[in-house]
Every structure is written in structure tokens, then in C-alpha cells.
Amino acid sequence: MNPLFSPPSLDDLTRLLKAWRFWLLAAVIGALIGAAVYTIVPPPYRARATVNVDFNLETAWPQETDRQQFYYLERETRKLEEIAWSDSVLQVVADADGKMTVRELREGKLQLSQPAEAGWHFFVDDKDAKRAEVLASTWVESFVKAAQANVGAQDGLNAAIQIEATQVSNLPKQRSVPLSGYLLAGTVGAWLLGALGMLFFEPRRREAK
């Protein structure tokens, strides 16, 4: 039977466990490679702006059941998401930037994270930290203006909803992927390649002898 396709044996596990020096060395080398990649090709900066959304359930549905309140939250949340990604809102962001189209903004440049009620986070990734901050602030301001205009309108948002931008200046900015992620990826990659080499190539070298 070809050793490459043979099932693992106790000797294979023993050989891996005994190679503790190799695992330490591989971890160091892998982490150094990850750090080098992070330094040479760093991930973009990520700016985060925040909007507080209060659905005021007690006012909107004072006598209703939990199920009706759930559908109310789902419906109004979906409307808010549509406003956040609408052409009119994103066009304001594109015009303020002057370098990107609405389509390009939608294709991974902007990200929206929201827990239905309370803080909605608007993220923007860019290699320039200041530009990411400006885009995030503009997106939030455009969204809040459009959403507030929609509150109480026919077929619009429920009149009980309150929307307020809580963080639009001096935004927190950090790399979209932390250095620790690169270090971990490099270490795991080195361990994986090392384990494959020890399990598949070492036995074949011994047989050749």
C-alpha cells in the first residue's frame, strides 16, 4: 500500500509529539513571516461611526404580543438597512469623496453592523485612515438625515422611532485585521506545512534508504 494513503499510526503521532523543538522553531518562523507580511502589505484602516436607533416598542405597540413586536422590529430594521444602502444615501458619500462610485462603495468598502436596536456601527475600510474617517462620518450623516425624513412618512418608518448620530467625529480607527491575526496565521501555516512534511516525506526518505 502506498504510504502516502496509509492510515495514521501510533508511530506518526509519536514522531509529531517528539518534535517539540521543531514546533517551537516553526512557531517563531511563522510568526516572523506573518509580521513581515503585515509590515510590507498592511491591511486597510477601519473607521467606525455609530448611530443610536430606538424603536420605542412601548410607544409603538403598547398592547401587542411579543410576536407582533418581533415582526415590527424586523420590518423597521429592514427599512433602515435599505435606507443605509440606498442610492441616494451612498451618492452623498461618493460625491463627498469624489473618487469612488456608489457601486464601488457597496463592493466591500462600506460595512454595516447593527443589533436591531441600540448602536448601529458604520464601518469604512481604506488605506488612508483620515479618508476612512471622513467617509464613515459622511455615511452616517447622510443616513441619519434620510432616515429622520422617512420617520412618520406614508409607508415609511414608524413615527415612534428615534434616530441619532452618536459618534461622527474623532472616530476610532484601527487596522481591519490586527497584527495578532497575521501572527496566528503564520504560526498555524508553519505548523501545518511542517506536520505534512514530517508525516508524508520523512517516511518516504527512510524507505529510499
Protein backbone atom coordinates (compact mmCIF):
# COMPACT_ATOMS: atom_id res chain seq x y z
CA MET A 1 0.00 0.00 0.00
CA ASN A 2 1.28 3.44 -0.89
CA PRO A 3 2.46 5.06 2.39
CA LEU A 4 1.02 8.33 1.24
CA PHE A 5 -2.50 6.91 1.56
CA SER A 6 -1.96 4.66 4.56
CA PRO A 7 -3.93 5.43 7.73
CA PRO A 8 -2.10 7.26 10.54
CA SER A 9 -0.31 5.08 13.04
CA LEU A 10 0.87 5.45 16.61
CA ASP A 11 4.39 5.98 15.30
CA ASP A 12 3.19 9.02 13.35
CA LEU A 13 1.71 10.57 16.47
CA THR A 14 4.82 9.76 18.50
CA ARG A 15 7.06 11.34 15.89
CA LEU A 16 5.00 14.53 15.94
CA LEU A 17 4.98 14.74 19.73
CA LYS A 18 8.72 14.21 19.98
CA ALA A 19 9.44 17.08 17.60
CA TRP A 20 8.72 19.79 20.20
CA ARG A 21 11.83 21.72 19.20
CA PHE A 22 10.53 21.85 15.66
CA TRP A 23 7.13 23.18 16.80
CA LEU A 24 8.79 25.98 18.76
CA LEU A 25 11.02 26.91 15.85
CA ALA A 26 8.13 26.75 13.37
CA ALA A 27 6.03 28.99 15.61
CA VAL A 28 8.78 31.61 15.71
CA ILE A 29 9.44 31.45 11.96
CA GLY A 30 5.73 31.51 11.12
CA ALA A 31 5.10 34.47 13.42
CA LEU A 32 8.03 36.36 11.86
CA ILE A 33 6.67 35.71 8.38
CA GLY A 34 3.24 36.91 9.47
CA ALA A 35 4.74 40.07 10.98
CA ALA A 36 6.73 40.71 7.80
CA VAL A 37 3.61 40.38 5.63
CA TYR A 38 1.73 42.73 8.00
CA THR A 39 4.52 45.30 7.69
CA ILE A 40 5.04 45.05 3.93
CA VAL A 41 1.38 44.70 2.90
CA PRO A 42 -0.65 46.02 5.85
CA PRO A 43 -4.44 45.65 5.92
CA PRO A 44 -6.50 48.82 5.42
CA TYR A 45 -7.56 51.07 8.27
CA ARG A 46 -11.12 50.72 9.54
CA ALA A 47 -13.06 53.72 10.86
CA ARG A 48 -16.25 53.24 12.87
CA ALA A 49 -19.12 55.70 13.23
CA THR A 50 -22.17 54.99 15.38
CA VAL A 51 -25.88 55.75 15.22
CA ASN A 52 -28.30 55.07 18.07
CA VAL A 53 -31.64 53.62 16.96
CA ASP A 54 -34.50 53.48 19.47
CA PHE A 55 -37.61 51.66 18.23
CA ASN A 56 -39.64 52.65 21.34
CA LEU A 57 -41.57 49.38 21.50
CA GLU A 58 -43.71 50.55 24.43
CA THR A 59 -44.98 53.50 22.41
CA ALA A 60 -45.31 51.78 19.04
CA TRP A 61 -47.03 48.60 20.29
CA PRO A 62 -48.19 49.19 23.89
CA GLN A 63 -50.82 46.42 23.94
CA GLU A 64 -49.40 43.92 21.47
CA THR A 65 -47.88 40.47 21.80
CA ASP A 66 -44.22 39.53 21.61
CA ARG A 67 -44.73 38.09 18.12
CA GLN A 68 -46.16 41.36 16.80
CA GLN A 69 -43.30 43.28 18.38
CA PHE A 70 -40.82 40.90 16.78
CA TYR A 71 -42.32 41.47 13.33
CA TYR A 72 -42.34 45.20 13.99
CA LEU A 73 -38.61 45.17 14.80
CA GLU A 74 -37.81 43.01 11.79
CA ARG A 75 -39.82 45.19 9.41
CA GLU A 76 -38.44 48.50 10.64
CA THR A 77 -34.88 47.18 10.77
CA ARG A 78 -35.15 46.06 7.16
CA LYS A 79 -36.39 49.51 6.17
CA LEU A 80 -33.46 51.16 7.94
CA GLU A 81 -30.99 48.84 6.22
CA GLU A 82 -32.50 49.70 2.84
CA ILE A 83 -32.08 53.39 3.62
CA ALA A 84 -28.45 52.89 4.69
CA TRP A 85 -27.63 51.18 1.38
CA SER A 86 -29.89 53.30 -0.82
CA ASP A 87 -28.55 55.08 -3.89
CA SER A 88 -29.42 58.50 -2.51
CA VAL A 89 -27.53 57.96 0.76
CA LEU A 90 -24.46 56.42 -0.85
CA GLN A 91 -24.41 59.01 -3.61
CA VAL A 92 -23.80 61.67 -0.96
CA VAL A 93 -20.78 59.65 0.23
CA ALA A 94 -19.49 59.19 -3.33
CA ASP A 95 -19.88 62.90 -4.12
CA ALA A 96 -18.09 63.91 -0.92
CA ASP A 97 -15.19 61.60 -1.75
CA GLY A 98 -15.05 62.33 -5.46
CA LYS A 99 -13.01 59.20 -6.23
CA MET A 100 -15.46 56.29 -5.93
CA THR A 101 -18.82 55.34 -7.38
CA VAL A 102 -21.81 54.05 -5.45
CA ARG A 103 -21.15 50.58 -6.83
CA GLU A 104 -17.56 50.60 -5.59
CA LEU A 105 -18.71 51.70 -2.13
CA ARG A 106 -21.07 48.74 -1.93
CA GLU A 107 -18.40 46.24 -3.01
CA GLY A 108 -16.67 45.84 0.35
CA LYS A 109 -15.69 49.46 1.01
CA LEU A 110 -18.54 50.03 3.47
CA GLN A 111 -19.85 47.64 6.10
CA LEU A 112 -22.87 47.87 8.37
CA SER A 113 -23.17 46.11 11.72
CA GLN A 114 -26.39 46.55 13.68
CA PRO A 115 -28.04 44.70 16.60
CA ALA A 116 -31.59 45.79 15.57
CA GLU A 117 -31.91 48.24 18.47
CA ALA A 118 -29.30 50.49 20.11
CA GLY A 119 -25.95 51.19 18.43
CA TRP A 120 -25.64 50.71 14.68
CA HIS A 121 -21.99 50.72 13.61
CA PHE A 122 -20.95 52.03 10.20
CA PHE A 123 -17.50 50.80 9.12
CA VAL A 124 -15.32 52.07 6.28
CA ASP A 125 -12.06 50.44 5.17
CA ASP A 126 -9.34 52.43 3.46
CA LYS A 127 -5.53 52.50 3.35
CA ASP A 128 -5.73 56.18 4.41
CA ALA A 129 -7.00 56.45 8.00
CA LYS A 130 -8.23 60.04 7.56
CA ARG A 131 -10.14 59.21 4.40
CA ALA A 132 -11.78 56.24 6.12
CA GLU A 133 -12.90 58.56 8.94
CA VAL A 134 -14.34 61.14 6.56
CA LEU A 135 -16.24 58.51 4.57
CA ALA A 136 -17.68 56.96 7.73
CA SER A 137 -18.80 60.33 9.08
CA THR A 138 -20.39 61.28 5.77
CA TRP A 139 -22.19 57.95 5.51
CA VAL A 140 -23.66 58.31 9.00
CA GLU A 141 -24.75 61.90 8.47
CA SER A 142 -26.38 61.04 5.15
CA PHE A 143 -28.13 58.01 6.65
CA VAL A 144 -29.45 59.88 9.70
CA LYS A 145 -30.80 62.71 7.55
CA ALA A 146 -32.57 60.31 5.18
CA ALA A 147 -33.91 58.10 7.98
CA GLN A 148 -35.25 61.01 10.03
CA ALA A 149 -37.02 62.35 6.94
CA ASN A 150 -38.61 58.92 6.49
CA VAL A 151 -39.96 58.67 10.06
CA GLY A 152 -43.74 59.05 10.08
CA ALA A 153 -43.95 59.28 6.28
CA GLN A 154 -46.53 57.22 4.41
CA ASP A 155 -45.18 53.65 4.04
CA GLY A 156 -42.07 54.87 5.84
CA LEU A 157 -40.62 54.28 9.27
CA ASN A 158 -42.87 54.15 12.32
CA ALA A 159 -43.34 57.56 13.93
CA ALA A 160 -42.14 56.21 17.31
CA ILE A 161 -38.61 55.50 16.03
CA GLN A 162 -35.83 57.84 17.14
CA ILE A 163 -32.53 58.01 15.27
CA GLU A 164 -29.50 59.93 16.47
CA ALA A 165 -25.87 60.02 15.37
CA THR A 166 -23.77 59.47 18.49
CA GLN A 167 -20.27 59.23 17.02
CA VAL A 168 -19.39 61.14 13.86
CA SER A 169 -16.11 62.88 14.71
CA ASN A 170 -12.78 61.76 16.16
CA LEU A 171 -13.75 58.25 15.15
CA PRO A 172 -11.83 55.20 16.37
CA LYS A 173 -9.52 53.94 13.62
CA GLN A 174 -7.54 50.72 13.59
CA ARG A 175 -6.34 48.14 11.12
CA SER A 176 -9.17 45.96 9.79
CA VAL A 177 -7.11 42.88 10.71
CA PRO A 178 -4.94 43.08 13.84
CA LEU A 179 -1.27 42.06 13.91
CA SER A 180 -2.21 39.12 16.13
CA GLY A 181 -4.26 37.67 13.27
CA TYR A 182 -1.22 37.66 11.00
CA LEU A 183 0.99 36.15 13.70
CA LEU A 184 -1.55 33.39 14.33
CA ALA A 185 -1.99 32.68 10.63
CA GLY A 186 1.77 32.47 10.10
CA THR A 187 2.23 30.15 13.08
CA VAL A 188 -0.61 27.82 12.10
CA GLY A 189 0.59 27.77 8.49
CA ALA A 190 4.13 26.85 9.53
CA TRP A 191 2.84 24.10 11.83
CA LEU A 192 0.59 22.69 9.10
CA LEU A 193 3.33 22.61 6.48
CA GLY A 194 5.75 21.12 9.00
CA ALA A 195 3.32 18.38 10.03
CA LEU A 196 2.64 17.46 6.40
CA GLY A 197 6.35 17.30 5.71
CA MET A 198 7.06 15.10 8.71
CA LEU A 199 4.18 12.71 8.04
CA PHE A 200 4.43 12.34 4.28
CA PHE A 201 8.02 12.97 3.25
CA GLU A 202 10.08 11.58 6.14
CA PRO A 203 8.80 8.01 5.77
CA ARG A 204 9.48 8.09 2.05
CA ARG A 205 13.08 9.20 2.63
CA ARG A 206 13.58 6.33 5.04
CA GLU A 207 12.21 3.82 2.52
CA ALA A 208 14.54 5.17 -0.12
CA LYS A 209 17.49 4.36 2.12
